[in-house]
Amino acid sequence: MEQVLTEKPFNSYSSHFERNEAHSSGVSWSAVIAGAFATAALSLILLALGTGLGLSSVSPYSGSGISASTVGKSAIIWLIVMEILSSAMGGYLAGRLRTKWASIHNDEVYFRDTAHGFLAWATAFVITVAFLATAATTMIGSGSSPTNPTKSGQSRAEGLDPNAYFVDTLFRMDASKPDATNAAASVEAGAIFAHALAQGDFTTADKSYLDQLVSARTGLPQTEADKRVSDVFSNAQQSVEAARKATAHTLLWIFLALLIGAFCASFSATIGGRQRDNVVTV
């Protein structure tokens, strides 16, 4: 009888608490949002610090400052360090600030803590991307605004064209004899170049027409004009290929850094959650 009397209050309280647990959410969104904002803020702080250190190490003059490869490797290392520190901080806060779960198996608590860390990291990633996208859009919009009324819209567009440099080299001639028709020829050749780079090579008709166009505008013999077109197109292809490889490598390293950040956030949340459960309520 004594055993029944001692167990009955415990079972009644436990059943009541389990019913409340069943109707409550398994996610403490306040803790997740707090961890996400901490991660996003620390990421932007470290990004500003890394950008400042990087710009102080490079030089606009050739042969000065550190090399481009060193800058790239340093940026990758800093990106990984930034993800580890910011994600670990946000994940720890998400785990430490969440509510205490009673009558929950340890495996379920571990899973929930891991989920809290991952959700904090994912929310912070969305916040950071939105902030950077807004900043980039603002900068591009202000950069393309007509601040200089003497500058034509066509010249501004050509300044943003990645093929403009290669196209201009097709029509180089004696600087003392400027030709006003070169601008129109450059626009026409730019369209041909863009199509050829997308297809991998010139069509026979485009190549012949471009040779004649370069020869007529520069005064070069047909054979030299043909050689110039081939050389410039080869340089443009190499530039595009180098940009493609650099972009691919950058995206792969960003993926790796983000993956490390997600793991650090999830693991740190389990540490914070364990410390939260060890807090004794007085």
C-alpha atoms as a PDB file:
ATOM      1  CA  MET A   1       0.000   0.000   0.000  1.00  0.00           C
ATOM      2  CA  GLU A   2       2.795   2.379   0.814  1.00  0.00           C
ATOM      3  CA  GLN A   3       4.402   1.688  -2.523  1.00  0.00           C
ATOM      4  CA  VAL A   4       1.163   2.470  -4.384  1.00  0.00           C
ATOM      5  CA  LEU A   5       0.694   5.732  -2.516  1.00  0.00           C
ATOM      6  CA  THR A   6       4.212   6.885  -3.306  1.00  0.00           C
ATOM      7  CA  GLU A   7       4.006   6.005  -6.994  1.00  0.00           C
ATOM      8  CA  LYS A   8       0.576   7.418  -7.704  1.00  0.00           C
ATOM      9  CA  PRO A   9       1.423  11.129  -7.354  1.00  0.00           C
ATOM     10  CA  PHE A  10       4.518  10.650  -9.495  1.00  0.00           C
ATOM     11  CA  ASN A  11       2.616   8.869 -12.262  1.00  0.00           C
ATOM     12  CA  SER A  12      -0.151  11.449 -12.215  1.00  0.00           C
ATOM     13  CA  TYR A  13       2.311  14.326 -12.461  1.00  0.00           C
ATOM     14  CA  SER A  14       4.327  12.559 -15.157  1.00  0.00           C
ATOM     15  CA  SER A  15       1.246  11.831 -17.261  1.00  0.00           C
ATOM     16  CA  HIS A  16       0.081  15.421 -16.950  1.00  0.00           C
ATOM     17  CA  PHE A  17       3.510  16.731 -17.975  1.00  0.00           C
ATOM     18  CA  GLU A  18       3.754  14.325 -20.900  1.00  0.00           C
ATOM     19  CA  ARG A  19       0.363  15.514 -22.161  1.00  0.00           C
ATOM     20  CA  ASN A  20       1.631  19.090 -22.056  1.00  0.00           C
ATOM     21  CA  GLU A  21       4.828  18.053 -23.865  1.00  0.00           C
ATOM     22  CA  ALA A  22       2.776  16.351 -26.572  1.00  0.00           C
ATOM     23  CA  HIS A  23       0.928  19.577 -27.350  1.00  0.00           C
ATOM     24  CA  SER A  24       3.991  21.847 -27.189  1.00  0.00           C
ATOM     25  CA  SER A  25       6.326  22.612 -30.088  1.00  0.00           C
ATOM     26  CA  GLY A  26       9.663  20.872 -30.239  1.00  0.00           C
ATOM     27  CA  VAL A  27      11.355  24.031 -31.528  1.00  0.00           C
ATOM     28  CA  SER A  28      12.181  27.068 -29.402  1.00  0.00           C
ATOM     29  CA  TRP A  29      11.983  29.654 -32.152  1.00  0.00           C
ATOM     30  CA  SER A  30      13.060  32.474 -29.882  1.00  0.00           C
ATOM     31  CA  ALA A  31      16.349  30.650 -29.246  1.00  0.00           C
ATOM     32  CA  VAL A  32      16.726  29.823 -32.950  1.00  0.00           C
ATOM     33  CA  ILE A  33      16.187  33.439 -34.016  1.00  0.00           C
ATOM     34  CA  ALA A  34      18.562  34.703 -31.328  1.00  0.00           C
ATOM     35  CA  GLY A  35      21.262  32.301 -32.507  1.00  0.00           C
ATOM     36  CA  ALA A  36      20.598  33.203 -36.150  1.00  0.00           C
ATOM     37  CA  PHE A  37      21.024  36.923 -35.576  1.00  0.00           C
ATOM     38  CA  ALA A  38      24.182  36.285 -33.570  1.00  0.00           C
ATOM     39  CA  THR A  39      25.574  34.191 -36.428  1.00  0.00           C
ATOM     40  CA  ALA A  40      24.640  36.760 -39.081  1.00  0.00           C
ATOM     41  CA  ALA A  41      26.065  39.674 -37.093  1.00  0.00           C
ATOM     42  CA  LEU A  42      29.339  37.906 -36.339  1.00  0.00           C
ATOM     43  CA  SER A  43      29.628  36.803 -39.979  1.00  0.00           C
ATOM     44  CA  LEU A  44      29.301  40.373 -41.231  1.00  0.00           C
ATOM     45  CA  ILE A  45      31.801  41.615 -38.644  1.00  0.00           C
ATOM     46  CA  LEU A  46      34.355  38.979 -39.635  1.00  0.00           C
ATOM     47  CA  LEU A  47      33.642  39.608 -43.326  1.00  0.00           C
ATOM     48  CA  ALA A  48      34.383  43.304 -42.873  1.00  0.00           C
ATOM     49  CA  LEU A  49      37.564  42.464 -40.964  1.00  0.00           C
ATOM     50  CA  GLY A  50      38.738  40.005 -43.615  1.00  0.00           C
ATOM     51  CA  THR A  51      37.970  42.438 -46.428  1.00  0.00           C
ATOM     52  CA  GLY A  52      39.933  45.171 -44.693  1.00  0.00           C
ATOM     53  CA  LEU A  53      42.915  42.913 -44.103  1.00  0.00           C
ATOM     54  CA  GLY A  54      42.800  41.713 -47.702  1.00  0.00           C
ATOM     55  CA  LEU A  55      42.653  45.193 -49.198  1.00  0.00           C
ATOM     56  CA  SER A  56      45.532  46.312 -47.005  1.00  0.00           C
ATOM     57  CA  SER A  57      47.656  43.452 -48.375  1.00  0.00           C
ATOM     58  CA  VAL A  58      47.119  44.033 -52.093  1.00  0.00           C
ATOM     59  CA  SER A  59      48.289  46.817 -54.356  1.00  0.00           C
ATOM     60  CA  PRO A  60      46.788  48.243 -57.562  1.00  0.00           C
ATOM     61  CA  TYR A  61      50.272  48.369 -59.075  1.00  0.00           C
ATOM     62  CA  SER A  62      51.815  45.388 -60.811  1.00  0.00           C
ATOM     63  CA  GLY A  63      54.578  43.677 -58.858  1.00  0.00           C
ATOM     64  CA  SER A  64      53.514  45.166 -55.523  1.00  0.00           C
ATOM     65  CA  GLY A  65      51.677  43.467 -52.690  1.00  0.00           C
ATOM     66  CA  ILE A  66      50.882  39.786 -52.392  1.00  0.00           C
ATOM     67  CA  SER A  67      50.073  37.662 -55.426  1.00  0.00           C
ATOM     68  CA  ALA A  68      46.578  36.818 -56.618  1.00  0.00           C
ATOM     69  CA  SER A  69      46.991  33.145 -55.702  1.00  0.00           C
ATOM     70  CA  THR A  70      47.966  34.093 -52.157  1.00  0.00           C
ATOM     71  CA  VAL A  71      44.938  36.358 -51.911  1.00  0.00           C
ATOM     72  CA  GLY A  72      42.689  33.532 -53.092  1.00  0.00           C
ATOM     73  CA  LYS A  73      44.082  31.004 -50.624  1.00  0.00           C
ATOM     74  CA  SER A  74      43.887  33.505 -47.777  1.00  0.00           C
ATOM     75  CA  ALA A  75      40.283  34.312 -48.660  1.00  0.00           C
ATOM     76  CA  ILE A  76      39.357  30.632 -48.607  1.00  0.00           C
ATOM     77  CA  ILE A  77      40.998  30.088 -45.218  1.00  0.00           C
ATOM     78  CA  TRP A  78      39.343  33.192 -43.795  1.00  0.00           C
ATOM     79  CA  LEU A  79      35.950  32.122 -45.146  1.00  0.00           C
ATOM     80  CA  ILE A  80      36.229  28.758 -43.394  1.00  0.00           C
ATOM     81  CA  VAL A  81      37.398  30.364 -40.132  1.00  0.00           C
ATOM     82  CA  MET A  82      34.559  32.887 -40.360  1.00  0.00           C
ATOM     83  CA  GLU A  83      31.993  30.124 -40.804  1.00  0.00           C
ATOM     84  CA  ILE A  84      33.384  28.096 -37.901  1.00  0.00           C
ATOM     85  CA  LEU A  85      33.407  30.998 -35.425  1.00  0.00           C
ATOM     86  CA  SER A  86      30.078  32.569 -36.343  1.00  0.00           C
ATOM     87  CA  SER A  87      28.196  29.280 -36.741  1.00  0.00           C
ATOM     88  CA  ALA A  88      29.585  27.859 -33.505  1.00  0.00           C
ATOM     89  CA  MET A  89      28.532  30.978 -31.599  1.00  0.00           C
ATOM     90  CA  GLY A  90      25.022  31.004 -33.042  1.00  0.00           C
ATOM     91  CA  GLY A  91      24.531  27.276 -32.567  1.00  0.00           C
ATOM     92  CA  TYR A  92      25.696  27.420 -28.952  1.00  0.00           C
ATOM     93  CA  LEU A  93      23.268  30.242 -28.170  1.00  0.00           C
ATOM     94  CA  ALA A  94      20.402  28.403 -29.867  1.00  0.00           C
ATOM     95  CA  GLY A  95      21.061  25.344 -27.704  1.00  0.00           C
ATOM     96  CA  ARG A  96      21.747  27.190 -24.472  1.00  0.00           C
ATOM     97  CA  LEU A  97      18.723  29.501 -24.672  1.00  0.00           C
ATOM     98  CA  ARG A  98      16.110  26.907 -25.600  1.00  0.00           C
ATOM     99  CA  THR A  99      13.549  25.676 -23.077  1.00  0.00           C
ATOM    100  CA  LYS A 100      14.292  22.670 -20.918  1.00  0.00           C
ATOM    101  CA  TRP A 101      12.581  19.494 -22.041  1.00  0.00           C
ATOM    102  CA  ALA A 102      11.535  17.087 -19.287  1.00  0.00           C
ATOM    103  CA  SER A 103      10.360  13.504 -19.748  1.00  0.00           C
ATOM    104  CA  ILE A 104      12.129  13.376 -23.122  1.00  0.00           C
ATOM    105  CA  HIS A 105      14.582  10.636 -24.015  1.00  0.00           C
ATOM    106  CA  ASN A 106      18.210  11.717 -24.303  1.00  0.00           C
ATOM    107  CA  ASP A 107      18.335  10.731 -27.971  1.00  0.00           C
ATOM    108  CA  GLU A 108      15.369  12.984 -28.724  1.00  0.00           C
ATOM    109  CA  VAL A 109      16.960  15.841 -26.780  1.00  0.00           C
ATOM    110  CA  TYR A 110      20.172  15.392 -28.765  1.00  0.00           C
ATOM    111  CA  PHE A 111      18.238  15.451 -32.037  1.00  0.00           C
ATOM    112  CA  ARG A 112      16.321  18.579 -31.052  1.00  0.00           C
ATOM    113  CA  ASP A 113      19.494  20.369 -30.025  1.00  0.00           C
ATOM    114  CA  THR A 114      21.104  19.457 -33.336  1.00  0.00           C
ATOM    115  CA  ALA A 115      18.023  20.690 -35.189  1.00  0.00           C
ATOM    116  CA  HIS A 116      18.100  23.968 -33.245  1.00  0.00           C
ATOM    117  CA  GLY A 117      21.694  24.570 -34.276  1.00  0.00           C
ATOM    118  CA  PHE A 118      20.984  23.761 -37.905  1.00  0.00           C
ATOM    119  CA  LEU A 119      17.884  25.970 -37.994  1.00  0.00           C
ATOM    120  CA  ALA A 120      19.843  28.849 -36.469  1.00  0.00           C
ATOM    121  CA  TRP A 121      22.550  28.418 -39.113  1.00  0.00           C
ATOM    122  CA  ALA A 122      20.014  28.187 -41.957  1.00  0.00           C
ATOM    123  CA  THR A 123      18.135  31.281 -40.779  1.00  0.00           C
ATOM    124  CA  ALA A 124      21.397  33.208 -40.447  1.00  0.00           C
ATOM    125  CA  PHE A 125      22.394  32.157 -43.964  1.00  0.00           C
ATOM    126  CA  VAL A 126      19.141  33.507 -45.401  1.00  0.00           C
ATOM    127  CA  ILE A 127      19.532  36.772 -43.467  1.00  0.00           C
ATOM    128  CA  THR A 128      23.142  37.219 -44.604  1.00  0.00           C
ATOM    129  CA  VAL A 129      22.359  36.468 -48.261  1.00  0.00           C
ATOM    130  CA  ALA A 130      19.438  38.905 -48.211  1.00  0.00           C
ATOM    131  CA  PHE A 131      21.616  41.628 -46.692  1.00  0.00           C
ATOM    132  CA  LEU A 132      24.479  41.114 -49.153  1.00  0.00           C
ATOM    133  CA  ALA A 133      22.089  40.944 -52.122  1.00  0.00           C
ATOM    134  CA  THR A 134      20.447  44.201 -51.069  1.00  0.00           C
ATOM    135  CA  ALA A 135      23.822  45.880 -50.624  1.00  0.00           C
ATOM    136  CA  ALA A 136      25.045  44.628 -54.011  1.00  0.00           C
ATOM    137  CA  THR A 137      21.859  45.793 -55.739  1.00  0.00           C
ATOM    138  CA  THR A 138      22.209  49.226 -54.182  1.00  0.00           C
ATOM    139  CA  MET A 139      25.839  49.522 -55.254  1.00  0.00           C
ATOM    140  CA  ILE A 140      25.093  48.414 -58.813  1.00  0.00           C
ATOM    141  CA  GLY A 141      22.149  50.787 -59.045  1.00  0.00           C
ATOM    142  CA  SER A 142      24.158  53.759 -57.842  1.00  0.00           C
ATOM    143  CA  GLY A 143      27.076  52.823 -60.101  1.00  0.00           C
ATOM    144  CA  SER A 144      24.896  52.713 -63.212  1.00  0.00           C
ATOM    145  CA  SER A 145      23.061  55.951 -62.451  1.00  0.00           C
ATOM    146  CA  PRO A 146      23.748  58.834 -64.889  1.00  0.00           C
ATOM    147  CA  THR A 147      26.020  60.824 -62.582  1.00  0.00           C
ATOM    148  CA  ASN A 148      28.014  62.073 -65.549  1.00  0.00           C
ATOM    149  CA  PRO A 149      25.687  63.750 -68.094  1.00  0.00           C
ATOM    150  CA  THR A 150      28.398  63.856 -70.755  1.00  0.00           C
ATOM    151  CA  LYS A 151      28.774  60.091 -70.759  1.00  0.00           C
ATOM    152  CA  SER A 152      26.542  58.311 -73.240  1.00  0.00           C
ATOM    153  CA  GLY A 153      24.487  55.264 -72.346  1.00  0.00           C
ATOM    154  CA  GLN A 154      26.252  53.223 -74.994  1.00  0.00           C
ATOM    155  CA  SER A 155      29.696  53.855 -73.523  1.00  0.00           C
ATOM    156  CA  ARG A 156      28.450  52.920 -70.049  1.00  0.00           C
ATOM    157  CA  ALA A 157      27.067  49.673 -71.401  1.00  0.00           C
ATOM    158  CA  GLU A 158      30.336  48.906 -73.152  1.00  0.00           C
ATOM    159  CA  GLY A 159      32.192  49.523 -69.900  1.00  0.00           C
ATOM    160  CA  LEU A 160      30.231  46.648 -68.332  1.00  0.00           C
ATOM    161  CA  ASP A 161      30.717  44.335 -71.327  1.00  0.00           C
ATOM    162  CA  PRO A 162      33.346  41.681 -70.493  1.00  0.00           C
ATOM    163  CA  ASN A 163      34.180  41.356 -74.205  1.00  0.00           C
ATOM    164  CA  ALA A 164      34.714  45.094 -74.742  1.00  0.00           C
ATOM    165  CA  TYR A 165      38.483  44.890 -74.266  1.00  0.00           C
ATOM    166  CA  PHE A 166      38.909  42.065 -76.770  1.00  0.00           C
ATOM    167  CA  VAL A 167      36.603  43.688 -79.305  1.00  0.00           C
ATOM    168  CA  ASP A 168      38.442  47.008 -79.076  1.00  0.00           C
ATOM    169  CA  THR A 169      41.733  45.285 -79.866  1.00  0.00           C
ATOM    170  CA  LEU A 170      40.304  44.284 -83.243  1.00  0.00           C
ATOM    171  CA  PHE A 171      40.136  47.909 -84.422  1.00  0.00           C
ATOM    172  CA  ARG A 172      43.333  49.357 -83.006  1.00  0.00           C
ATOM    173  CA  MET A 173      45.088  51.630 -85.447  1.00  0.00           C
ATOM    174  CA  ASP A 174      47.311  54.674 -85.409  1.00  0.00           C
ATOM    175  CA  ALA A 175      46.126  56.833 -82.523  1.00  0.00           C
ATOM    176  CA  SER A 176      46.785  59.983 -84.570  1.00  0.00           C
ATOM    177  CA  LYS A 177      44.109  58.887 -87.064  1.00  0.00           C
ATOM    178  CA  PRO A 178      40.918  58.298 -85.091  1.00  0.00           C
ATOM    179  CA  ASP A 179      37.998  56.764 -86.933  1.00  0.00           C
ATOM    180  CA  ALA A 180      34.507  57.627 -85.731  1.00  0.00           C
ATOM    181  CA  THR A 181      33.048  54.507 -87.316  1.00  0.00           C
ATOM    182  CA  ASN A 182      34.997  52.221 -84.972  1.00  0.00           C
ATOM    183  CA  ALA A 183      32.347  52.594 -82.259  1.00  0.00           C
ATOM    184  CA  ALA A 184      29.592  51.160 -84.461  1.00  0.00           C
ATOM    185  CA  ALA A 185      31.914  48.439 -85.734  1.00  0.00           C
ATOM    186  CA  SER A 186      32.826  47.480 -82.165  1.00  0.00           C
ATOM    187  CA  VAL A 187      29.161  47.045 -81.245  1.00  0.00           C
ATOM    188  CA  GLU A 188      28.564  44.838 -84.272  1.00  0.00           C
ATOM    189  CA  ALA A 189      31.711  42.806 -83.647  1.00  0.00           C
ATOM    190  CA  GLY A 190      30.755  42.456 -79.980  1.00  0.00           C
ATOM    191  CA  ALA A 191      27.536  40.681 -80.926  1.00  0.00           C
ATOM    192  CA  ILE A 192      29.454  38.343 -83.231  1.00  0.00           C
ATOM    193  CA  PHE A 193      32.026  37.655 -80.519  1.00  0.00           C
ATOM    194  CA  ALA A 194      29.358  36.921 -77.903  1.00  0.00           C
ATOM    195  CA  HIS A 195      27.654  34.448 -80.227  1.00  0.00           C
ATOM    196  CA  ALA A 196      30.964  32.784 -81.132  1.00  0.00           C
ATOM    197  CA  LEU A 197      31.988  32.417 -77.473  1.00  0.00           C
ATOM    198  CA  ALA A 198      28.620  30.860 -76.665  1.00  0.00           C
ATOM    199  CA  GLN A 199      28.885  28.419 -79.588  1.00  0.00           C
ATOM    200  CA  GLY A 200      32.595  27.701 -79.185  1.00  0.00           C
ATOM    201  CA  ASP A 201      33.712  29.091 -82.553  1.00  0.00           C
ATOM    202  CA  PHE A 202      32.789  31.422 -85.385  1.00  0.00           C
ATOM    203  CA  THR A 203      30.544  30.328 -88.192  1.00  0.00           C
ATOM    204  CA  THR A 204      32.157  30.545 -91.620  1.00  0.00           C
ATOM    205  CA  ALA A 205      30.020  33.525 -92.604  1.00  0.00           C
ATOM    206  CA  ASP A 206      30.685  35.400 -89.335  1.00  0.00           C
ATOM    207  CA  LYS A 207      34.426  34.786 -89.539  1.00  0.00           C
ATOM    208  CA  SER A 208      34.630  36.019 -93.122  1.00  0.00           C
ATOM    209  CA  TYR A 209      32.515  39.078 -92.376  1.00  0.00           C
ATOM    210  CA  LEU A 210      34.526  39.946 -89.263  1.00  0.00           C
ATOM    211  CA  ASP A 211      37.802  39.626 -91.177  1.00  0.00           C
ATOM    212  CA  GLN A 212      36.514  42.037 -93.812  1.00  0.00           C
ATOM    213  CA  LEU A 213      35.214  44.418 -91.149  1.00  0.00           C
ATOM    214  CA  VAL A 214      38.530  44.542 -89.295  1.00  0.00           C
ATOM    215  CA  SER A 215      40.464  44.941 -92.520  1.00  0.00           C
ATOM    216  CA  ALA A 216      38.233  47.798 -93.686  1.00  0.00           C
ATOM    217  CA  ARG A 217      38.326  49.666 -90.373  1.00  0.00           C
ATOM    218  CA  THR A 218      42.025  49.251 -89.592  1.00  0.00           C
ATOM    219  CA  GLY A 219      43.555  49.192 -93.061  1.00  0.00           C
ATOM    220  CA  LEU A 220      45.237  45.845 -92.399  1.00  0.00           C
ATOM    221  CA  PRO A 221      45.662  43.310 -95.208  1.00  0.00           C
ATOM    222  CA  GLN A 222      43.093  40.512 -95.227  1.00  0.00           C
ATOM    223  CA  THR A 223      45.576  37.918 -93.989  1.00  0.00           C
ATOM    224  CA  GLU A 224      46.717  40.067 -91.059  1.00  0.00           C
ATOM    225  CA  ALA A 225      43.119  40.915 -90.173  1.00  0.00           C
ATOM    226  CA  ASP A 226      42.284  37.205 -90.182  1.00  0.00           C
ATOM    227  CA  LYS A 227      45.228  36.490 -87.876  1.00  0.00           C
ATOM    228  CA  ARG A 228      44.230  39.311 -85.523  1.00  0.00           C
ATOM    229  CA  VAL A 229      40.668  38.030 -85.269  1.00  0.00           C
ATOM    230  CA  SER A 230      41.889  34.495 -84.536  1.00  0.00           C
ATOM    231  CA  ASP A 231      44.395  35.657 -81.915  1.00  0.00           C
ATOM    232  CA  VAL A 232      41.920  37.931 -80.145  1.00  0.00           C
ATOM    233  CA  PHE A 233      39.240  35.234 -80.123  1.00  0.00           C
ATOM    234  CA  SER A 234      41.740  32.758 -78.666  1.00  0.00           C
ATOM    235  CA  ASN A 235      42.609  35.226 -75.894  1.00  0.00           C
ATOM    236  CA  ALA A 236      38.925  35.795 -75.188  1.00  0.00           C
ATOM    237  CA  GLN A 237      38.323  32.046 -74.954  1.00  0.00           C
ATOM    238  CA  GLN A 238      41.208  31.653 -72.511  1.00  0.00           C
ATOM    239  CA  SER A 239      39.831  34.486 -70.399  1.00  0.00           C
ATOM    240  CA  VAL A 240      36.361  32.938 -70.327  1.00  0.00           C
ATOM    241  CA  GLU A 241      37.793  29.523 -69.434  1.00  0.00           C
ATOM    242  CA  ALA A 242      39.892  30.999 -66.625  1.00  0.00           C
ATOM    243  CA  ALA A 243      36.841  32.827 -65.275  1.00  0.00           C
ATOM    244  CA  ARG A 244      34.795  29.617 -65.445  1.00  0.00           C
ATOM    245  CA  LYS A 245      37.394  27.635 -63.508  1.00  0.00           C
ATOM    246  CA  ALA A 246      37.800  30.374 -60.918  1.00  0.00           C
ATOM    247  CA  THR A 247      34.037  30.567 -60.428  1.00  0.00           C
ATOM    248  CA  ALA A 248      33.724  26.788 -60.114  1.00  0.00           C
ATOM    249  CA  HIS A 249      36.529  26.569 -57.548  1.00  0.00           C
ATOM    250  CA  THR A 250      35.108  29.494 -55.585  1.00  0.00           C
ATOM    251  CA  LEU A 251      31.646  27.942 -55.422  1.00  0.00           C
ATOM    252  CA  LEU A 252      33.067  24.584 -54.332  1.00  0.00           C
ATOM    253  CA  TRP A 253      35.034  26.207 -51.503  1.00  0.00           C
ATOM    254  CA  ILE A 254      31.990  28.235 -50.463  1.00  0.00           C
ATOM    255  CA  PHE A 255      29.965  25.014 -50.361  1.00  0.00           C
ATOM    256  CA  LEU A 256      32.616  23.365 -48.193  1.00  0.00           C
ATOM    257  CA  ALA A 257      32.750  26.354 -45.836  1.00  0.00           C
ATOM    258  CA  LEU A 258      28.956  26.405 -45.497  1.00  0.00           C
ATOM    259  CA  LEU A 259      28.906  22.667 -44.843  1.00  0.00           C
ATOM    260  CA  ILE A 260      31.492  23.095 -42.087  1.00  0.00           C
ATOM    261  CA  GLY A 261      29.452  25.970 -40.670  1.00  0.00           C
ATOM    262  CA  ALA A 262      26.282  23.862 -40.552  1.00  0.00           C
ATOM    263  CA  PHE A 263      28.132  21.076 -38.733  1.00  0.00           C
ATOM    264  CA  CYS A 264      29.697  23.492 -36.230  1.00  0.00           C
ATOM    265  CA  ALA A 265      26.333  25.101 -35.511  1.00  0.00           C
ATOM    266  CA  SER A 266      24.642  21.746 -34.929  1.00  0.00           C
ATOM    267  CA  PHE A 267      27.445  20.418 -32.739  1.00  0.00           C
ATOM    268  CA  SER A 268      27.703  23.623 -30.704  1.00  0.00           C
ATOM    269  CA  ALA A 269      23.958  23.529 -30.101  1.00  0.00           C
ATOM    270  CA  THR A 270      24.294  20.110 -28.458  1.00  0.00           C
ATOM    271  CA  ILE A 271      26.964  21.529 -26.140  1.00  0.00           C
ATOM    272  CA  GLY A 272      24.784  24.502 -25.254  1.00  0.00           C
ATOM    273  CA  GLY A 273      21.744  22.290 -24.753  1.00  0.00           C
ATOM    274  CA  ARG A 274      23.662  19.929 -22.470  1.00  0.00           C
ATOM    275  CA  GLN A 275      24.814  22.837 -20.348  1.00  0.00           C
ATOM    276  CA  ARG A 276      21.237  24.170 -20.280  1.00  0.00           C
ATOM    277  CA  ASP A 277      19.952  20.858 -18.924  1.00  0.00           C
ATOM    278  CA  ASN A 278      22.644  20.813 -16.244  1.00  0.00           C
ATOM    279  CA  VAL A 279      21.445  24.138 -14.825  1.00  0.00           C
ATOM    280  CA  VAL A 280      19.869  23.532 -11.413  1.00  0.00           C
ATOM    281  CA  THR A 281      16.668  25.485 -10.777  1.00  0.00           C
ATOM    282  CA  VAL A 282      16.685  27.033  -7.308  1.00  0.00           C
END
